[in-house]
Amino acid sequence: MPNVIVQQGPRSVELKRDLVRRITDAFVDAYQIPVDTVSVWIQETPADSWGSGGKLTADK
């Protein structure tokens, strides 16, 4: 049973719904497993709580 964790900034429910479907489909296709065995967890972090290149994402 694959568990996929996606860490990202906030996105709309519609985008997250599409992402979960696409990730699930990819695992079902690649591993030839039932759709209900794939779990996708989305962990959202506000832009003021992470950074890259030495700057907060909120400041870019």
N, C-alpha and C. Protein backbone atom coordinates (compact mmCIF):
# COMPACT_ATOMS: atom_id res chain seq x y z
N MET A 1 0.85 -1.19 0.00
CA MET A 1 0.00 0.00 0.00
C MET A 1 0.88 1.24 0.00
N PRO A 2 0.99 1.93 -1.12
CA PRO A 2 1.80 3.14 -1.18
C PRO A 2 1.15 4.29 -0.40
N ASN A 3 1.98 5.00 0.34
CA ASN A 3 1.58 6.24 1.00
C ASN A 3 2.45 7.35 0.41
N VAL A 4 1.81 8.32 -0.21
CA VAL A 4 2.51 9.42 -0.85
C VAL A 4 2.28 10.68 -0.02
N ILE A 5 3.35 11.38 0.32
CA ILE A 5 3.24 12.63 1.08
C ILE A 5 3.72 13.76 0.18
N VAL A 6 2.85 14.75 0.01
CA VAL A 6 3.16 15.93 -0.79
C VAL A 6 3.28 17.11 0.17
N GLN A 7 4.42 17.77 0.16
CA GLN A 7 4.61 18.97 0.96
C GLN A 7 4.60 20.16 0.01
N GLN A 8 3.74 21.13 0.30
CA GLN A 8 3.58 22.26 -0.60
C GLN A 8 2.99 23.45 0.11
N GLY A 9 2.99 24.57 -0.58
CA GLY A 9 2.26 25.73 -0.11
C GLY A 9 0.77 25.53 -0.36
N PRO A 10 -0.06 26.37 0.22
CA PRO A 10 -1.50 26.24 0.07
C PRO A 10 -1.96 26.30 -1.39
N ARG A 11 -2.90 25.45 -1.72
CA ARG A 11 -3.52 25.40 -3.04
C ARG A 11 -5.02 25.24 -2.86
N SER A 12 -5.78 25.47 -3.91
CA SER A 12 -7.23 25.33 -3.83
C SER A 12 -7.62 23.85 -3.74
N VAL A 13 -8.82 23.61 -3.26
CA VAL A 13 -9.33 22.25 -3.15
C VAL A 13 -9.39 21.60 -4.53
N GLU A 14 -9.76 22.36 -5.54
CA GLU A 14 -9.85 21.81 -6.89
C GLU A 14 -8.48 21.31 -7.37
N LEU A 15 -7.44 22.09 -7.15
CA LEU A 15 -6.09 21.67 -7.55
C LEU A 15 -5.63 20.45 -6.77
N LYS A 16 -5.92 20.43 -5.47
CA LYS A 16 -5.53 19.28 -4.65
C LYS A 16 -6.28 18.03 -5.08
N ARG A 17 -7.55 18.17 -5.40
CA ARG A 17 -8.36 17.04 -5.86
C ARG A 17 -7.75 16.45 -7.14
N ASP A 18 -7.36 17.30 -8.08
CA ASP A 18 -6.76 16.85 -9.32
C ASP A 18 -5.41 16.19 -9.07
N LEU A 19 -4.61 16.78 -8.20
CA LEU A 19 -3.30 16.22 -7.88
C LEU A 19 -3.43 14.82 -7.29
N VAL A 20 -4.34 14.65 -6.32
CA VAL A 20 -4.55 13.34 -5.70
C VAL A 20 -4.97 12.31 -6.75
N ARG A 21 -5.86 12.69 -7.65
CA ARG A 21 -6.29 11.77 -8.70
C ARG A 21 -5.13 11.37 -9.60
N ARG A 22 -4.33 12.35 -10.00
CA ARG A 22 -3.22 12.06 -10.91
C ARG A 22 -2.15 11.18 -10.25
N ILE A 23 -1.82 11.49 -9.00
CA ILE A 23 -0.83 10.68 -8.28
C ILE A 23 -1.35 9.26 -8.11
N THR A 24 -2.60 9.12 -7.73
CA THR A 24 -3.20 7.80 -7.56
C THR A 24 -3.16 7.02 -8.86
N ASP A 25 -3.58 7.67 -9.95
CA ASP A 25 -3.57 7.01 -11.26
C ASP A 25 -2.17 6.55 -11.64
N ALA A 26 -1.16 7.36 -11.34
CA ALA A 26 0.21 7.00 -11.69
C ALA A 26 0.66 5.74 -10.95
N PHE A 27 0.33 5.65 -9.67
CA PHE A 27 0.70 4.46 -8.90
C PHE A 27 -0.07 3.24 -9.35
N VAL A 28 -1.35 3.40 -9.62
CA VAL A 28 -2.17 2.29 -10.11
C VAL A 28 -1.59 1.76 -11.42
N ASP A 29 -1.21 2.67 -12.31
CA ASP A 29 -0.66 2.28 -13.60
C ASP A 29 0.72 1.64 -13.46
N ALA A 30 1.60 2.26 -12.69
CA ALA A 30 2.98 1.78 -12.57
C ALA A 30 3.08 0.46 -11.80
N TYR A 31 2.29 0.32 -10.75
CA TYR A 31 2.39 -0.87 -9.88
C TYR A 31 1.31 -1.91 -10.13
N GLN A 32 0.34 -1.56 -11.00
CA GLN A 32 -0.76 -2.48 -11.27
C GLN A 32 -1.44 -2.93 -9.97
N ILE A 33 -1.85 -1.94 -9.17
CA ILE A 33 -2.49 -2.19 -7.88
C ILE A 33 -3.88 -1.57 -7.88
N PRO A 34 -4.75 -2.03 -6.96
CA PRO A 34 -6.08 -1.44 -6.87
C PRO A 34 -6.02 0.02 -6.41
N VAL A 35 -6.92 0.83 -6.94
CA VAL A 35 -6.96 2.26 -6.63
C VAL A 35 -7.11 2.53 -5.14
N ASP A 36 -7.85 1.69 -4.44
CA ASP A 36 -8.10 1.94 -3.02
C ASP A 36 -6.93 1.60 -2.12
N THR A 37 -5.82 1.15 -2.70
CA THR A 37 -4.64 0.88 -1.88
C THR A 37 -3.66 2.04 -1.84
N VAL A 38 -3.94 3.10 -2.59
CA VAL A 38 -3.04 4.27 -2.67
C VAL A 38 -3.57 5.37 -1.75
N SER A 39 -2.72 5.86 -0.87
CA SER A 39 -3.07 6.99 0.00
C SER A 39 -2.17 8.17 -0.34
N VAL A 40 -2.78 9.35 -0.44
CA VAL A 40 -2.02 10.58 -0.72
C VAL A 40 -2.33 11.57 0.40
N TRP A 41 -1.29 12.03 1.06
CA TRP A 41 -1.43 13.01 2.14
C TRP A 41 -0.82 14.31 1.66
N ILE A 42 -1.55 15.39 1.83
CA ILE A 42 -1.04 16.71 1.45
C ILE A 42 -0.78 17.51 2.72
N GLN A 43 0.46 17.92 2.89
CA GLN A 43 0.85 18.76 4.02
C GLN A 43 1.12 20.16 3.49
N GLU A 44 0.29 21.10 3.87
CA GLU A 44 0.45 22.47 3.40
C GLU A 44 1.14 23.34 4.45
N THR A 45 2.06 24.14 3.96
CA THR A 45 2.80 25.05 4.82
C THR A 45 2.62 26.46 4.28
N PRO A 46 2.24 27.41 5.14
CA PRO A 46 2.07 28.79 4.67
C PRO A 46 3.39 29.35 4.12
N ALA A 47 3.28 30.26 3.17
CA ALA A 47 4.45 30.84 2.52
C ALA A 47 5.39 31.54 3.50
N ASP A 48 4.89 31.96 4.66
CA ASP A 48 5.76 32.62 5.63
C ASP A 48 6.43 31.62 6.58
N SER A 49 6.28 30.32 6.30
CA SER A 49 6.87 29.29 7.16
C SER A 49 7.86 28.40 6.43
N TRP A 50 8.28 28.78 5.23
CA TRP A 50 9.32 28.05 4.52
C TRP A 50 10.00 28.96 3.53
N GLY A 51 11.17 28.56 3.11
CA GLY A 51 11.92 29.40 2.19
C GLY A 51 12.88 28.60 1.34
N SER A 52 13.47 29.27 0.38
CA SER A 52 14.52 28.68 -0.44
C SER A 52 15.42 29.80 -0.92
N GLY A 53 16.65 29.45 -1.20
CA GLY A 53 17.59 30.45 -1.67
C GLY A 53 17.86 31.54 -0.64
N GLY A 54 17.69 31.23 0.63
CA GLY A 54 17.97 32.19 1.68
C GLY A 54 16.85 33.19 1.95
N LYS A 55 15.70 33.01 1.32
CA LYS A 55 14.59 33.94 1.53
C LYS A 55 13.31 33.18 1.82
N LEU A 56 12.46 33.80 2.63
CA LEU A 56 11.14 33.25 2.84
C LEU A 56 10.35 33.30 1.53
N THR A 57 9.58 32.28 1.30
CA THR A 57 8.76 32.24 0.09
C THR A 57 7.80 33.43 0.05
N ALA A 58 7.32 33.87 1.20
CA ALA A 58 6.40 35.02 1.27
C ALA A 58 7.07 36.30 0.80
N ASP A 59 8.39 36.36 0.85
CA ASP A 59 9.10 37.58 0.46
C ASP A 59 9.50 37.59 -1.01
N LYS A 60 9.23 36.54 -1.72
CA LYS A 60 9.63 36.46 -3.15
C LYS A 60 8.59 37.08 -4.03
